[in-house]
Amino acid sequence: MPGNGLNRRLIPLAVGLAAVIIIAVAALATRQTEEPMSSAAQPGASRPPAAPAKSNFGDIVWHESPTPAPATVFKNEAGTEISLADFKGKVLVVNFWATWCAPCVKEMPTLDGLQAQLGGADFEVLAISQDREGAQVALPFMDTNGWSHLARYTESGARFAKDAGLRGLPTSLIIDKTGNEVGRVEGDTDWSSPEIEQSLRELIGRS
């Protein structure tokens, strides 16, 4: 009968339409389930993702309490043994570097400039080479690079690594006029920055 043929044609259409409705409902339910989870990662959500820890690499970290500067013996250009105690009364930036250390070489021109800017009776940059070969390597290297404002100091026995607790090169200690370490920089930094210069001038101005 004609009605039976029509019914047979409508059944597949009805089944297909039902399948489409089921898929649409399932997709909507899945989306509603996922949206609250993703919103937590958006700014202002109740449970934002944890922010990465801030790194102090290359920044001056000022100590809460001063600590005595290491008493390690090193050598000046003439080969005379000296220590940081010989510079008491000056604010010091004591930089540990080596010719093979690329970040050390990168920051050295700004240390040379800092000595030219602030160096005098109250301030000095001590760039102390940690090269194992000592003066025979470090001094010509400094001459070649034209770091003319820095005095040349060496300590080839790696004693500062232990005494000053160095974790790598370059590292710089900030020493006050009384001979105490009041700050430290691990990694290279730009010593020509106005902020660093101002901080050092304030330290120099203290009695």
C-alpha atoms as a PDB file:
ATOM      1  CA  MET A   1       0.000   0.000   0.000  1.00  0.00           C
ATOM      2  CA  PRO A   2       1.197   3.589  -0.578  1.00  0.00           C
ATOM      3  CA  GLY A   3       1.061   4.355   3.143  1.00  0.00           C
ATOM      4  CA  ASN A   4       3.359   1.466   3.956  1.00  0.00           C
ATOM      5  CA  GLY A   5       5.950   2.698   1.444  1.00  0.00           C
ATOM      6  CA  LEU A   6       5.842   6.172   2.910  1.00  0.00           C
ATOM      7  CA  ASN A   7       6.314   4.802   6.393  1.00  0.00           C
ATOM      8  CA  ARG A   8       9.337   2.780   5.256  1.00  0.00           C
ATOM      9  CA  ARG A   9      10.901   5.958   3.864  1.00  0.00           C
ATOM     10  CA  LEU A  10      10.207   8.013   6.975  1.00  0.00           C
ATOM     11  CA  ILE A  11      11.692   5.502   9.427  1.00  0.00           C
ATOM     12  CA  PRO A  12      15.370   6.048   8.313  1.00  0.00           C
ATOM     13  CA  LEU A  13      14.822   9.810   8.374  1.00  0.00           C
ATOM     14  CA  ALA A  14      13.438   9.639  11.895  1.00  0.00           C
ATOM     15  CA  VAL A  15      16.330   7.452  13.045  1.00  0.00           C
ATOM     16  CA  GLY A  16      18.869   9.851  11.515  1.00  0.00           C
ATOM     17  CA  LEU A  17      17.203  12.872  13.085  1.00  0.00           C
ATOM     18  CA  ALA A  18      17.197  11.163  16.475  1.00  0.00           C
ATOM     19  CA  ALA A  19      20.902  10.394  16.145  1.00  0.00           C
ATOM     20  CA  VAL A  20      21.667  14.040  15.346  1.00  0.00           C
ATOM     21  CA  ILE A  21      19.689  15.182  18.385  1.00  0.00           C
ATOM     22  CA  ILE A  22      21.494  12.699  20.652  1.00  0.00           C
ATOM     23  CA  ILE A  23      24.938  13.827  19.394  1.00  0.00           C
ATOM     24  CA  ALA A  24      24.029  17.500  19.866  1.00  0.00           C
ATOM     25  CA  VAL A  25      22.807  16.940  23.422  1.00  0.00           C
ATOM     26  CA  ALA A  26      25.946  14.954  24.299  1.00  0.00           C
ATOM     27  CA  ALA A  27      28.215  17.673  22.873  1.00  0.00           C
ATOM     28  CA  LEU A  28      26.366  20.364  24.827  1.00  0.00           C
ATOM     29  CA  ALA A  29      26.687  18.391  28.048  1.00  0.00           C
ATOM     30  CA  THR A  30      30.411  17.859  27.477  1.00  0.00           C
ATOM     31  CA  ARG A  31      30.971  21.562  26.824  1.00  0.00           C
ATOM     32  CA  GLN A  32      29.120  22.555  29.991  1.00  0.00           C
ATOM     33  CA  THR A  33      31.240  20.101  31.979  1.00  0.00           C
ATOM     34  CA  GLU A  34      34.538  21.387  30.593  1.00  0.00           C
ATOM     35  CA  GLU A  35      33.863  25.127  30.824  1.00  0.00           C
ATOM     36  CA  PRO A  36      34.158  25.427  34.636  1.00  0.00           C
ATOM     37  CA  MET A  37      37.527  23.665  34.507  1.00  0.00           C
ATOM     38  CA  SER A  38      38.982  25.947  31.844  1.00  0.00           C
ATOM     39  CA  SER A  39      37.701  29.099  33.526  1.00  0.00           C
ATOM     40  CA  ALA A  40      39.956  28.414  36.510  1.00  0.00           C
ATOM     41  CA  ALA A  41      42.942  29.158  34.324  1.00  0.00           C
ATOM     42  CA  GLN A  42      41.653  32.590  33.326  1.00  0.00           C
ATOM     43  CA  PRO A  43      42.613  35.854  35.082  1.00  0.00           C
ATOM     44  CA  GLY A  44      40.317  36.589  37.989  1.00  0.00           C
ATOM     45  CA  ALA A  45      39.192  32.984  38.423  1.00  0.00           C
ATOM     46  CA  SER A  46      38.921  31.533  41.892  1.00  0.00           C
ATOM     47  CA  ARG A  47      41.790  29.076  41.361  1.00  0.00           C
ATOM     48  CA  PRO A  48      44.325  30.603  38.921  1.00  0.00           C
ATOM     49  CA  PRO A  49      47.416  28.602  37.986  1.00  0.00           C
ATOM     50  CA  ALA A  50      50.430  29.127  40.229  1.00  0.00           C
ATOM     51  CA  ALA A  51      52.807  31.838  38.994  1.00  0.00           C
ATOM     52  CA  PRO A  52      56.405  30.770  38.320  1.00  0.00           C
ATOM     53  CA  ALA A  53      58.875  31.601  41.064  1.00  0.00           C
ATOM     54  CA  LYS A  54      60.680  34.912  40.498  1.00  0.00           C
ATOM     55  CA  SER A  55      64.375  34.540  39.792  1.00  0.00           C
ATOM     56  CA  ASN A  56      66.947  36.866  41.355  1.00  0.00           C
ATOM     57  CA  PHE A  57      69.567  35.850  38.817  1.00  0.00           C
ATOM     58  CA  GLY A  58      71.610  38.934  37.921  1.00  0.00           C
ATOM     59  CA  ASP A  59      70.033  41.156  40.595  1.00  0.00           C
ATOM     60  CA  ILE A  60      71.641  42.565  43.727  1.00  0.00           C
ATOM     61  CA  VAL A  61      70.269  40.615  46.672  1.00  0.00           C
ATOM     62  CA  TRP A  62      70.726  42.709  49.811  1.00  0.00           C
ATOM     63  CA  HIS A  63      71.253  40.685  52.977  1.00  0.00           C
ATOM     64  CA  GLU A  64      69.034  41.143  56.004  1.00  0.00           C
ATOM     65  CA  SER A  65      72.111  40.942  58.227  1.00  0.00           C
ATOM     66  CA  PRO A  66      75.716  41.801  57.229  1.00  0.00           C
ATOM     67  CA  THR A  67      78.221  38.963  57.302  1.00  0.00           C
ATOM     68  CA  PRO A  68      82.020  39.197  57.588  1.00  0.00           C
ATOM     69  CA  ALA A  69      83.772  39.260  54.231  1.00  0.00           C
ATOM     70  CA  PRO A  70      85.909  36.200  53.466  1.00  0.00           C
ATOM     71  CA  ALA A  71      89.497  36.444  54.670  1.00  0.00           C
ATOM     72  CA  THR A  72      90.861  34.670  51.592  1.00  0.00           C
ATOM     73  CA  VAL A  73      94.328  35.701  50.437  1.00  0.00           C
ATOM     74  CA  PHE A  74      94.746  36.733  46.795  1.00  0.00           C
ATOM     75  CA  LYS A  75      97.409  38.552  44.765  1.00  0.00           C
ATOM     76  CA  ASN A  76      97.733  41.977  43.231  1.00  0.00           C
ATOM     77  CA  GLU A  77      99.446  42.703  39.917  1.00  0.00           C
ATOM     78  CA  ALA A  78     102.871  42.776  41.602  1.00  0.00           C
ATOM     79  CA  GLY A  79     102.290  39.291  43.043  1.00  0.00           C
ATOM     80  CA  THR A  80     101.915  40.540  46.628  1.00  0.00           C
ATOM     81  CA  GLU A  81      99.485  38.628  48.801  1.00  0.00           C
ATOM     82  CA  ILE A  82      96.619  40.730  50.141  1.00  0.00           C
ATOM     83  CA  SER A  83      93.082  40.246  51.493  1.00  0.00           C
ATOM     84  CA  LEU A  84      89.831  42.190  51.524  1.00  0.00           C
ATOM     85  CA  ALA A  85      90.745  43.472  54.984  1.00  0.00           C
ATOM     86  CA  ASP A  86      93.408  45.637  53.307  1.00  0.00           C
ATOM     87  CA  PHE A  87      90.575  47.668  51.722  1.00  0.00           C
ATOM     88  CA  LYS A  88      88.651  48.331  54.935  1.00  0.00           C
ATOM     89  CA  GLY A  89      87.147  51.816  54.892  1.00  0.00           C
ATOM     90  CA  LYS A  90      86.042  51.454  51.251  1.00  0.00           C
ATOM     91  CA  VAL A  91      82.839  50.181  49.743  1.00  0.00           C
ATOM     92  CA  LEU A  92      83.815  47.322  47.436  1.00  0.00           C
ATOM     93  CA  VAL A  93      82.301  45.447  44.551  1.00  0.00           C
ATOM     94  CA  VAL A  94      84.304  42.230  44.590  1.00  0.00           C
ATOM     95  CA  ASN A  95      83.788  40.461  41.288  1.00  0.00           C
ATOM     96  CA  PHE A  96      84.924  36.884  40.668  1.00  0.00           C
ATOM     97  CA  TRP A  97      85.486  36.133  37.009  1.00  0.00           C
ATOM     98  CA  ALA A  98      87.525  34.038  34.566  1.00  0.00           C
ATOM     99  CA  THR A  99      88.698  34.445  30.996  1.00  0.00           C
ATOM    100  CA  TRP A 100      86.754  31.349  29.891  1.00  0.00           C
ATOM    101  CA  CYS A 101      83.475  32.613  31.406  1.00  0.00           C
ATOM    102  CA  ALA A 102      81.412  34.306  28.683  1.00  0.00           C
ATOM    103  CA  PRO A 103      78.970  36.086  31.058  1.00  0.00           C
ATOM    104  CA  CYS A 104      81.964  37.385  33.029  1.00  0.00           C
ATOM    105  CA  VAL A 105      83.509  38.877  29.916  1.00  0.00           C
ATOM    106  CA  LYS A 106      80.140  40.325  28.920  1.00  0.00           C
ATOM    107  CA  GLU A 107      79.704  42.323  32.139  1.00  0.00           C
ATOM    108  CA  MET A 108      83.336  43.346  32.600  1.00  0.00           C
ATOM    109  CA  PRO A 109      83.111  46.564  30.536  1.00  0.00           C
ATOM    110  CA  THR A 110      80.332  47.804  32.844  1.00  0.00           C
ATOM    111  CA  LEU A 111      82.471  47.007  35.886  1.00  0.00           C
ATOM    112  CA  ASP A 112      85.342  48.913  34.287  1.00  0.00           C
ATOM    113  CA  GLY A 113      82.960  51.822  33.718  1.00  0.00           C
ATOM    114  CA  LEU A 114      81.712  51.621  37.311  1.00  0.00           C
ATOM    115  CA  GLN A 115      85.292  51.942  38.590  1.00  0.00           C
ATOM    116  CA  ALA A 116      85.835  54.927  36.309  1.00  0.00           C
ATOM    117  CA  GLN A 117      82.618  56.545  37.590  1.00  0.00           C
ATOM    118  CA  LEU A 118      82.846  55.908  41.331  1.00  0.00           C
ATOM    119  CA  GLY A 119      86.398  54.765  42.022  1.00  0.00           C
ATOM    120  CA  GLY A 120      88.374  56.713  44.602  1.00  0.00           C
ATOM    121  CA  ALA A 121      89.106  56.900  48.299  1.00  0.00           C
ATOM    122  CA  ASP A 122      85.687  55.514  49.248  1.00  0.00           C
ATOM    123  CA  PHE A 123      84.998  52.953  46.530  1.00  0.00           C
ATOM    124  CA  GLU A 124      86.750  50.332  44.395  1.00  0.00           C
ATOM    125  CA  VAL A 125      85.862  47.479  42.098  1.00  0.00           C
ATOM    126  CA  LEU A 126      88.039  44.422  42.755  1.00  0.00           C
ATOM    127  CA  ALA A 127      87.915  42.103  39.769  1.00  0.00           C
ATOM    128  CA  ILE A 128      89.596  38.907  40.991  1.00  0.00           C
ATOM    129  CA  SER A 129      90.410  36.359  38.295  1.00  0.00           C
ATOM    130  CA  GLN A 130      89.740  32.735  39.160  1.00  0.00           C
ATOM    131  CA  ASP A 131      91.785  31.370  36.251  1.00  0.00           C
ATOM    132  CA  ARG A 132      93.976  28.441  37.316  1.00  0.00           C
ATOM    133  CA  GLU A 133      96.851  29.833  35.253  1.00  0.00           C
ATOM    134  CA  GLY A 134      96.716  33.060  37.266  1.00  0.00           C
ATOM    135  CA  ALA A 135      98.326  36.298  36.146  1.00  0.00           C
ATOM    136  CA  GLN A 136      99.955  34.885  33.026  1.00  0.00           C
ATOM    137  CA  VAL A 137      96.500  34.418  31.496  1.00  0.00           C
ATOM    138  CA  ALA A 138      94.339  37.010  33.237  1.00  0.00           C
ATOM    139  CA  LEU A 139      96.540  40.094  32.875  1.00  0.00           C
ATOM    140  CA  PRO A 140      97.123  39.892  29.093  1.00  0.00           C
ATOM    141  CA  PHE A 141      93.425  39.160  28.641  1.00  0.00           C
ATOM    142  CA  MET A 142      92.496  42.342  30.497  1.00  0.00           C
ATOM    143  CA  ASP A 143      94.999  44.341  28.469  1.00  0.00           C
ATOM    144  CA  THR A 144      93.650  42.950  25.206  1.00  0.00           C
ATOM    145  CA  ASN A 145      90.101  43.923  26.134  1.00  0.00           C
ATOM    146  CA  GLY A 146      91.105  47.410  27.267  1.00  0.00           C
ATOM    147  CA  TRP A 147      89.726  47.247  30.808  1.00  0.00           C
ATOM    148  CA  SER A 148      92.066  50.003  31.865  1.00  0.00           C
ATOM    149  CA  HIS A 149      90.294  51.317  34.971  1.00  0.00           C
ATOM    150  CA  LEU A 150      90.395  48.037  36.883  1.00  0.00           C
ATOM    151  CA  ALA A 151      93.325  46.930  38.984  1.00  0.00           C
ATOM    152  CA  ARG A 152      94.344  43.337  38.224  1.00  0.00           C
ATOM    153  CA  TYR A 153      93.908  40.743  40.961  1.00  0.00           C
ATOM    154  CA  THR A 154      94.185  36.976  40.792  1.00  0.00           C
ATOM    155  CA  GLU A 155      93.438  33.962  42.973  1.00  0.00           C
ATOM    156  CA  SER A 156      94.197  30.735  41.169  1.00  0.00           C
ATOM    157  CA  GLY A 157      93.675  28.272  44.020  1.00  0.00           C
ATOM    158  CA  ALA A 158      89.861  28.388  43.982  1.00  0.00           C
ATOM    159  CA  ARG A 159      89.891  29.221  47.688  1.00  0.00           C
ATOM    160  CA  PHE A 160      87.259  31.925  47.265  1.00  0.00           C
ATOM    161  CA  ALA A 161      84.885  29.300  45.865  1.00  0.00           C
ATOM    162  CA  LYS A 162      84.787  27.708  49.324  1.00  0.00           C
ATOM    163  CA  ASP A 163      85.352  30.714  51.578  1.00  0.00           C
ATOM    164  CA  ALA A 164      82.798  32.956  49.853  1.00  0.00           C
ATOM    165  CA  GLY A 165      80.375  30.139  49.024  1.00  0.00           C
ATOM    166  CA  LEU A 166      80.503  30.798  45.290  1.00  0.00           C
ATOM    167  CA  ARG A 167      77.963  28.795  43.308  1.00  0.00           C
ATOM    168  CA  GLY A 168      79.230  29.885  39.920  1.00  0.00           C
ATOM    169  CA  LEU A 169      80.840  32.666  37.904  1.00  0.00           C
ATOM    170  CA  PRO A 170      80.411  35.534  37.702  1.00  0.00           C
ATOM    171  CA  THR A 171      79.538  36.358  41.303  1.00  0.00           C
ATOM    172  CA  SER A 172      79.974  39.756  42.922  1.00  0.00           C
ATOM    173  CA  LEU A 173      80.022  40.633  46.611  1.00  0.00           C
ATOM    174  CA  ILE A 174      79.027  44.065  47.902  1.00  0.00           C
ATOM    175  CA  ILE A 175      81.258  44.925  50.882  1.00  0.00           C
ATOM    176  CA  ASP A 176      80.588  47.922  53.133  1.00  0.00           C
ATOM    177  CA  LYS A 177      83.187  50.184  54.749  1.00  0.00           C
ATOM    178  CA  THR A 178      83.379  48.024  57.867  1.00  0.00           C
ATOM    179  CA  GLY A 179      84.390  44.956  55.864  1.00  0.00           C
ATOM    180  CA  ASN A 180      81.043  43.165  55.922  1.00  0.00           C
ATOM    181  CA  GLU A 181      79.230  41.616  52.982  1.00  0.00           C
ATOM    182  CA  VAL A 182      75.893  43.388  52.658  1.00  0.00           C
ATOM    183  CA  GLY A 183      74.799  42.193  49.220  1.00  0.00           C
ATOM    184  CA  ARG A 184      75.571  39.756  46.435  1.00  0.00           C
ATOM    185  CA  VAL A 185      74.945  39.305  42.723  1.00  0.00           C
ATOM    186  CA  GLU A 186      74.961  35.816  41.232  1.00  0.00           C
ATOM    187  CA  GLY A 187      75.250  35.995  37.470  1.00  0.00           C
ATOM    188  CA  ASP A 188      76.128  38.903  35.222  1.00  0.00           C
ATOM    189  CA  THR A 189      74.420  42.251  35.477  1.00  0.00           C
ATOM    190  CA  ASP A 190      74.634  45.743  34.004  1.00  0.00           C
ATOM    191  CA  TRP A 191      76.712  47.735  36.477  1.00  0.00           C
ATOM    192  CA  SER A 192      76.066  50.908  34.504  1.00  0.00           C
ATOM    193  CA  SER A 193      72.381  50.971  35.453  1.00  0.00           C
ATOM    194  CA  PRO A 194      71.308  54.146  37.311  1.00  0.00           C
ATOM    195  CA  GLU A 195      69.593  52.050  40.007  1.00  0.00           C
ATOM    196  CA  ILE A 196      72.787  50.180  40.877  1.00  0.00           C
ATOM    197  CA  GLU A 197      74.857  53.363  40.852  1.00  0.00           C
ATOM    198  CA  GLN A 198      72.381  55.091  43.163  1.00  0.00           C
ATOM    199  CA  SER A 199      72.375  52.140  45.587  1.00  0.00           C
ATOM    200  CA  LEU A 200      76.174  52.152  45.725  1.00  0.00           C
ATOM    201  CA  ARG A 201      76.324  55.924  46.194  1.00  0.00           C
ATOM    202  CA  GLU A 202      73.959  55.605  49.146  1.00  0.00           C
ATOM    203  CA  LEU A 203      76.156  52.886  50.635  1.00  0.00           C
ATOM    204  CA  ILE A 204      79.257  55.018  50.104  1.00  0.00           C
ATOM    205  CA  GLY A 205      77.543  57.937  51.848  1.00  0.00           C
ATOM    206  CA  ARG A 206      76.980  55.976  55.047  1.00  0.00           C
ATOM    207  CA  SER A 207      79.524  56.471  57.837  1.00  0.00           C
END
